[in-house]
């Protein structure tokens, strides 16, 4: 039986393409969403092994909103969410990261397997937590 796919919520096509290619090369199935709103719709109707979410995407649903939805509706994914962001200097972003306790990789990043380790698929890398 194959594992459920990873859900990636990312609005930057270059970042999505990079993650998809790197993770698929390592044998993972990927489902992509270009906004938090689209990601929530997919979470409502599908099964995923982990979620990689940008903190800020168009449409008014943030990474914090995705995290809150997972906490309320899919708690089995709560420790299998990884944030990616290029905005860690923003105080609001830092506060969200501290509040959620979820690990985060800052963009730009070069090593996609960091994503694998953060969603429990590898144990070679330690996360950067903002708590």
N, C-alpha and C. Protein backbone atom coordinates (compact mmCIF):
# COMPACT_ATOMS: atom_id res chain seq x y z
N UNK A 1 0.84 -1.19 0.00
CA UNK A 1 0.00 0.00 0.00
C UNK A 1 0.89 1.24 0.00
N UNK A 2 0.60 2.18 -0.87
CA UNK A 2 1.40 3.39 -0.95
C UNK A 2 0.92 4.42 0.07
N UNK A 3 1.86 5.26 0.47
CA UNK A 3 1.57 6.33 1.41
C UNK A 3 0.75 7.41 0.74
N UNK A 4 -0.10 8.09 1.51
CA UNK A 4 -0.82 9.24 0.93
C UNK A 4 0.18 10.30 0.46
N UNK A 5 -0.23 11.13 -0.47
CA UNK A 5 0.68 12.16 -0.99
C UNK A 5 0.95 13.26 0.04
N UNK A 6 1.98 14.04 -0.26
CA UNK A 6 2.27 15.26 0.50
C UNK A 6 1.47 16.38 -0.13
N UNK A 7 0.92 17.26 0.68
CA UNK A 7 0.24 18.45 0.19
C UNK A 7 1.20 19.62 0.32
N UNK A 8 1.45 20.29 -0.80
CA UNK A 8 2.29 21.49 -0.79
C UNK A 8 1.42 22.68 -1.14
N UNK A 9 1.41 23.67 -0.25
CA UNK A 9 0.66 24.91 -0.46
C UNK A 9 1.69 26.01 -0.70
N UNK A 10 1.80 26.45 -1.94
CA UNK A 10 2.83 27.41 -2.34
C UNK A 10 2.38 28.15 -3.59
N UNK A 11 2.41 29.48 -3.53
CA UNK A 11 1.94 30.27 -4.68
C UNK A 11 3.04 30.61 -5.67
N UNK A 12 4.29 30.50 -5.31
CA UNK A 12 5.38 30.81 -6.24
C UNK A 12 5.65 29.57 -7.09
N UNK A 13 5.41 29.69 -8.39
CA UNK A 13 5.52 28.52 -9.27
C UNK A 13 6.93 27.94 -9.29
N UNK A 14 7.96 28.77 -9.19
CA UNK A 14 9.32 28.25 -9.20
C UNK A 14 9.60 27.41 -7.95
N UNK A 15 9.12 27.86 -6.81
CA UNK A 15 9.30 27.11 -5.56
C UNK A 15 8.51 25.81 -5.61
N UNK A 16 7.26 25.89 -6.09
CA UNK A 16 6.44 24.69 -6.21
C UNK A 16 7.10 23.68 -7.13
N UNK A 17 7.60 24.14 -8.27
CA UNK A 17 8.26 23.25 -9.22
C UNK A 17 9.49 22.59 -8.62
N UNK A 18 10.28 23.37 -7.90
CA UNK A 18 11.48 22.85 -7.26
C UNK A 18 11.13 21.77 -6.24
N UNK A 19 10.18 22.07 -5.36
CA UNK A 19 9.78 21.10 -4.34
C UNK A 19 9.19 19.84 -4.98
N UNK A 20 8.32 20.04 -5.94
CA UNK A 20 7.69 18.90 -6.61
C UNK A 20 8.75 17.99 -7.24
N UNK A 21 9.66 18.59 -7.99
CA UNK A 21 10.70 17.80 -8.67
C UNK A 21 11.59 17.07 -7.67
N UNK A 22 12.03 17.78 -6.64
CA UNK A 22 12.93 17.16 -5.66
C UNK A 22 12.24 16.04 -4.90
N UNK A 23 11.02 16.25 -4.50
CA UNK A 23 10.31 15.23 -3.72
C UNK A 23 9.87 14.06 -4.59
N UNK A 24 9.41 14.33 -5.79
CA UNK A 24 9.01 13.24 -6.69
C UNK A 24 10.21 12.37 -7.07
N UNK A 25 11.39 13.01 -7.26
CA UNK A 25 12.60 12.24 -7.54
C UNK A 25 12.93 11.27 -6.42
N UNK A 26 12.48 11.60 -5.22
CA UNK A 26 12.71 10.75 -4.05
C UNK A 26 11.54 9.82 -3.76
N UNK A 27 10.63 9.71 -4.71
CA UNK A 27 9.58 8.73 -4.62
C UNK A 27 8.28 9.17 -3.96
N UNK A 28 8.13 10.45 -3.70
CA UNK A 28 6.93 10.95 -3.04
C UNK A 28 5.92 11.46 -4.04
N UNK A 29 4.67 11.20 -3.76
CA UNK A 29 3.59 11.77 -4.56
C UNK A 29 3.27 13.15 -4.00
N UNK A 30 2.98 14.07 -4.87
CA UNK A 30 2.73 15.46 -4.48
C UNK A 30 1.38 15.91 -5.00
N UNK A 31 0.65 16.61 -4.14
CA UNK A 31 -0.54 17.35 -4.56
C UNK A 31 -0.24 18.80 -4.25
N UNK A 32 -0.42 19.67 -5.22
CA UNK A 32 -0.10 21.08 -5.04
C UNK A 32 -1.32 21.96 -4.97
N UNK A 33 -1.22 23.00 -4.18
CA UNK A 33 -2.24 24.03 -4.07
C UNK A 33 -1.54 25.38 -4.15
N UNK A 34 -2.11 26.32 -4.91
CA UNK A 34 -1.45 27.61 -5.09
C UNK A 34 -1.95 28.68 -4.11
N UNK A 35 -2.82 28.29 -3.20
CA UNK A 35 -3.28 29.22 -2.17
C UNK A 35 -3.69 28.44 -0.93
N UNK A 36 -3.76 29.14 0.19
CA UNK A 36 -4.23 28.51 1.42
C UNK A 36 -5.66 28.05 1.30
N UNK A 37 -6.49 28.84 0.62
CA UNK A 37 -7.89 28.47 0.43
C UNK A 37 -8.01 27.17 -0.34
N UNK A 38 -7.24 27.04 -1.42
CA UNK A 38 -7.25 25.80 -2.20
C UNK A 38 -6.72 24.64 -1.35
N UNK A 39 -5.69 24.91 -0.56
CA UNK A 39 -5.14 23.88 0.33
C UNK A 39 -6.16 23.37 1.32
N UNK A 40 -6.95 24.27 1.91
CA UNK A 40 -7.98 23.84 2.86
C UNK A 40 -9.04 22.98 2.19
N UNK A 41 -9.42 23.34 0.97
CA UNK A 41 -10.39 22.51 0.23
C UNK A 41 -9.84 21.11 0.01
N UNK A 42 -8.57 21.03 -0.34
CA UNK A 42 -7.96 19.72 -0.54
C UNK A 42 -7.87 18.94 0.76
N UNK A 43 -7.53 19.62 1.85
CA UNK A 43 -7.47 18.95 3.15
C UNK A 43 -8.84 18.43 3.59
N UNK A 44 -9.88 19.17 3.26
CA UNK A 44 -11.23 18.75 3.63
C UNK A 44 -11.64 17.46 2.92
N UNK A 45 -11.14 17.27 1.71
CA UNK A 45 -11.62 16.15 0.90
C UNK A 45 -10.61 15.04 0.69
N UNK A 46 -9.36 15.22 1.10
CA UNK A 46 -8.34 14.22 0.81
C UNK A 46 -7.56 13.78 2.02
N UNK A 47 -6.73 12.78 1.82
CA UNK A 47 -5.85 12.25 2.86
C UNK A 47 -4.42 12.55 2.46
N UNK A 48 -3.63 13.08 3.39
CA UNK A 48 -2.26 13.47 3.11
C UNK A 48 -1.35 12.98 4.23
N UNK A 49 -0.12 12.65 3.86
CA UNK A 49 0.84 12.19 4.86
C UNK A 49 1.49 13.35 5.59
N UNK A 50 1.53 14.53 4.97
CA UNK A 50 2.13 15.71 5.58
C UNK A 50 1.73 16.93 4.76
N UNK A 51 1.97 18.12 5.34
CA UNK A 51 1.65 19.38 4.68
C UNK A 51 2.87 20.29 4.75
N UNK A 52 3.24 20.83 3.60
CA UNK A 52 4.28 21.85 3.51
C UNK A 52 3.55 23.10 3.04
N UNK A 53 3.58 24.16 3.86
CA UNK A 53 2.78 25.34 3.54
C UNK A 53 3.58 26.63 3.64
N UNK A 54 3.46 27.44 2.60
CA UNK A 54 3.97 28.80 2.65
C UNK A 54 3.16 29.55 3.71
N UNK A 55 3.78 30.52 4.35
CA UNK A 55 3.08 31.30 5.37
C UNK A 55 2.10 32.28 4.74
N UNK A 56 2.44 32.80 3.57
CA UNK A 56 1.60 33.81 2.93
C UNK A 56 1.32 33.42 1.48
N UNK A 57 0.04 33.26 1.18
CA UNK A 57 -0.39 32.98 -0.19
C UNK A 57 -1.57 33.88 -0.50
N UNK A 58 -1.89 34.07 -1.77
CA UNK A 58 -3.02 34.93 -2.12
C UNK A 58 -4.35 34.32 -1.67
N UNK A 59 -5.33 35.16 -1.51
CA UNK A 59 -6.68 34.68 -1.22
C UNK A 59 -7.13 34.82 0.22
N UNK A 60 -6.28 35.34 1.08
CA UNK A 60 -6.72 35.62 2.44
C UNK A 60 -6.57 34.50 3.45
N UNK A 61 -6.15 33.30 3.04
CA UNK A 61 -5.93 32.20 3.98
C UNK A 61 -4.42 32.04 4.14
N UNK A 62 -3.93 32.22 5.36
CA UNK A 62 -2.49 32.17 5.64
C UNK A 62 -2.07 30.79 6.12
N UNK A 63 -0.77 30.62 6.25
CA UNK A 63 -0.26 29.39 6.85
C UNK A 63 -0.78 29.19 8.25
N UNK A 64 -0.94 30.29 9.00
CA UNK A 64 -1.50 30.19 10.36
C UNK A 64 -2.93 29.67 10.31
N UNK A 65 -3.69 30.10 9.31
CA UNK A 65 -5.07 29.61 9.16
C UNK A 65 -5.07 28.11 8.83
N UNK A 66 -4.15 27.69 7.99
CA UNK A 66 -4.04 26.27 7.65
C UNK A 66 -3.69 25.48 8.91
N UNK A 67 -2.74 25.97 9.69
CA UNK A 67 -2.35 25.31 10.94
C UNK A 67 -3.54 25.21 11.90
N UNK A 68 -4.29 26.30 12.05
CA UNK A 68 -5.46 26.28 12.94
C UNK A 68 -6.51 25.28 12.46
N UNK A 69 -6.71 25.21 11.14
CA UNK A 69 -7.68 24.25 10.60
C UNK A 69 -7.23 22.83 10.87
N UNK A 70 -5.94 22.56 10.67
CA UNK A 70 -5.41 21.22 10.94
C UNK A 70 -5.57 20.88 12.42
N UNK A 71 -5.28 21.83 13.30
CA UNK A 71 -5.42 21.59 14.74
C UNK A 71 -6.86 21.19 15.07
N UNK A 72 -7.82 21.85 14.47
CA UNK A 72 -9.23 21.60 14.78
C UNK A 72 -9.79 20.37 14.06
N UNK A 73 -9.31 20.09 12.85
CA UNK A 73 -9.97 19.08 12.02
C UNK A 73 -9.13 17.85 11.66
N UNK A 74 -7.83 18.00 11.65
CA UNK A 74 -6.95 16.89 11.26
C UNK A 74 -5.74 16.83 12.20
N UNK A 75 -5.97 16.64 13.49
CA UNK A 75 -4.87 16.72 14.46
C UNK A 75 -3.75 15.71 14.21
N UNK A 76 -4.03 14.64 13.47
CA UNK A 76 -2.97 13.68 13.16
C UNK A 76 -1.88 14.30 12.28
N UNK A 77 -2.19 15.42 11.63
CA UNK A 77 -1.20 16.13 10.80
C UNK A 77 -0.50 17.26 11.54
N UNK A 78 -0.89 17.51 12.76
CA UNK A 78 -0.36 18.66 13.49
C UNK A 78 1.16 18.64 13.62
N UNK A 79 1.73 17.47 13.77
CA UNK A 79 3.19 17.37 13.88
C UNK A 79 3.83 16.96 12.57
N UNK A 80 3.05 17.09 11.50
CA UNK A 80 3.56 16.77 10.17
C UNK A 80 3.30 17.94 9.22
N UNK A 81 3.42 19.16 9.79
CA UNK A 81 3.30 20.37 8.98
C UNK A 81 4.62 21.12 9.06
N UNK A 82 5.02 21.63 7.93
CA UNK A 82 6.24 22.41 7.81
C UNK A 82 5.90 23.71 7.12
N UNK A 83 6.32 24.82 7.71
CA UNK A 83 6.13 26.11 7.06
C UNK A 83 7.37 26.45 6.24
N UNK A 84 7.15 27.13 5.13
CA UNK A 84 8.23 27.73 4.35
C UNK A 84 7.86 29.20 4.17
N UNK A 85 8.86 30.06 4.31
CA UNK A 85 8.57 31.49 4.18
C UNK A 85 9.85 32.25 3.89
N UNK A 86 9.69 33.35 3.25
CA UNK A 86 10.78 34.28 3.02
C UNK A 86 10.62 35.52 3.88
N UNK A 87 9.79 35.42 4.90
CA UNK A 87 9.36 36.59 5.66
C UNK A 87 9.59 36.45 7.16
N UNK A 88 10.70 35.87 7.59
CA UNK A 88 10.92 35.66 9.03
C UNK A 88 11.33 36.93 9.76
N UNK A 89 11.61 38.01 9.06
CA UNK A 89 11.93 39.26 9.75
C UNK A 89 10.66 40.01 10.15
N UNK A 90 9.55 39.63 9.57
CA UNK A 90 8.27 40.25 9.90
C UNK A 90 7.83 39.80 11.29
N UNK A 91 7.49 40.75 12.15
CA UNK A 91 7.12 40.41 13.54
C UNK A 91 5.86 39.55 13.60
N UNK A 92 4.91 39.80 12.72
CA UNK A 92 3.68 38.99 12.70
C UNK A 92 4.00 37.53 12.36
N UNK A 93 4.86 37.34 11.35
CA UNK A 93 5.26 35.98 10.97
C UNK A 93 5.98 35.30 12.12
N UNK A 94 6.91 35.99 12.75
CA UNK A 94 7.64 35.42 13.89
C UNK A 94 6.68 35.03 15.02
N UNK A 95 5.70 35.88 15.30
CA UNK A 95 4.74 35.57 16.36
C UNK A 95 3.93 34.32 16.02
N UNK A 96 3.54 34.18 14.78
CA UNK A 96 2.78 33.00 14.34
C UNK A 96 3.64 31.75 14.49
N UNK A 97 4.89 31.82 14.04
CA UNK A 97 5.78 30.67 14.14
C UNK A 97 6.00 30.28 15.60
N UNK A 98 6.16 31.26 16.47
CA UNK A 98 6.34 30.98 17.88
C UNK A 98 5.08 30.37 18.48
N UNK A 99 3.93 30.89 18.12
CA UNK A 99 2.66 30.40 18.66
C UNK A 99 2.38 28.97 18.23
N UNK A 100 2.62 28.65 16.97
CA UNK A 100 2.30 27.31 16.47
C UNK A 100 3.34 26.28 16.89
N UNK A 101 4.58 26.71 17.02
CA UNK A 101 5.66 25.77 17.33
C UNK A 101 6.04 24.90 16.14
N UNK A 102 5.45 25.14 14.98
CA UNK A 102 5.75 24.34 13.79
C UNK A 102 7.12 24.73 13.24
N UNK A 103 7.86 23.76 12.72
CA UNK A 103 9.15 24.08 12.14
C UNK A 103 8.98 24.89 10.85
N UNK A 104 10.05 25.61 10.52
CA UNK A 104 10.01 26.48 9.35
C UNK A 104 11.35 26.45 8.63
N UNK A 105 11.28 26.43 7.33
CA UNK A 105 12.47 26.60 6.50
C UNK A 105 12.34 27.95 5.82
N UNK A 106 13.40 28.73 5.91
CA UNK A 106 13.39 30.05 5.31
C UNK A 106 13.75 29.96 3.83
N UNK A 107 12.99 30.68 3.01
CA UNK A 107 13.32 30.78 1.58
C UNK A 107 14.33 31.92 1.42
N UNK A 108 15.21 31.84 0.50
CA UNK A 108 15.38 30.71 -0.41
C UNK A 108 16.10 29.57 0.29
N UNK A 109 15.74 28.36 -0.04
CA UNK A 109 16.42 27.18 0.49
C UNK A 109 16.92 26.35 -0.66
N UNK A 110 17.99 25.61 -0.40
CA UNK A 110 18.62 24.87 -1.49
C UNK A 110 18.44 23.36 -1.38
N UNK A 111 18.15 22.85 -0.22
CA UNK A 111 18.15 21.40 -0.05
C UNK A 111 16.74 20.91 0.25
N UNK A 112 16.09 20.34 -0.75
CA UNK A 112 14.70 19.93 -0.59
C UNK A 112 14.53 18.80 0.42
N UNK A 113 15.57 18.01 0.68
CA UNK A 113 15.38 16.94 1.64
C UNK A 113 15.16 17.48 3.04
N UNK A 114 15.45 18.76 3.26
CA UNK A 114 15.09 19.35 4.54
C UNK A 114 13.58 19.23 4.74
N UNK A 115 12.85 19.40 3.68
CA UNK A 115 11.39 19.25 3.76
C UNK A 115 11.04 17.83 4.17
N UNK A 116 11.73 16.87 3.60
CA UNK A 116 11.46 15.48 3.95
C UNK A 116 11.65 15.24 5.44
N UNK A 117 12.73 15.76 5.98
CA UNK A 117 13.01 15.52 7.40
C UNK A 117 11.97 16.18 8.29
N UNK A 118 11.48 17.32 7.88
CA UNK A 118 10.54 18.04 8.71
C UNK A 118 9.16 17.40 8.77
N UNK A 119 8.83 16.62 7.79
CA UNK A 119 7.52 15.97 7.82
C UNK A 119 7.67 14.50 8.20
N UNK A 120 8.81 14.17 8.83
CA UNK A 120 9.01 12.84 9.37
C UNK A 120 9.45 11.80 8.37
N UNK A 121 9.99 12.22 7.25
CA UNK A 121 10.37 11.28 6.21
C UNK A 121 11.88 11.07 6.16
N UNK A 122 12.62 11.75 7.00
CA UNK A 122 14.06 11.59 7.10
C UNK A 122 14.44 12.10 8.48
N UNK A 123 15.57 11.64 8.99
CA UNK A 123 15.96 12.09 10.34
C UNK A 123 17.32 12.76 10.33
N UNK A 124 17.75 13.25 9.19
CA UNK A 124 19.10 13.80 9.09
C UNK A 124 19.22 15.29 9.39
N UNK A 125 18.14 15.97 9.57
CA UNK A 125 18.22 17.44 9.71
C UNK A 125 17.38 17.89 10.89
N UNK A 126 17.90 18.81 11.66
CA UNK A 126 17.17 19.37 12.80
C UNK A 126 16.43 20.63 12.36
N UNK A 127 15.18 20.78 12.76
CA UNK A 127 14.39 21.94 12.34
C UNK A 127 14.83 23.21 13.04
N UNK A 128 14.47 24.30 12.43
CA UNK A 128 14.61 25.59 13.10
C UNK A 128 13.24 25.93 13.64
N UNK A 129 13.12 25.90 14.94
CA UNK A 129 11.87 26.28 15.58
C UNK A 129 12.01 27.70 16.10
N UNK A 130 10.94 28.43 16.07
CA UNK A 130 10.95 29.82 16.48
C UNK A 130 10.34 30.00 17.85
N UNK A 131 10.25 28.93 18.62
CA UNK A 131 9.70 29.01 19.98
C UNK A 131 10.78 29.25 20.99
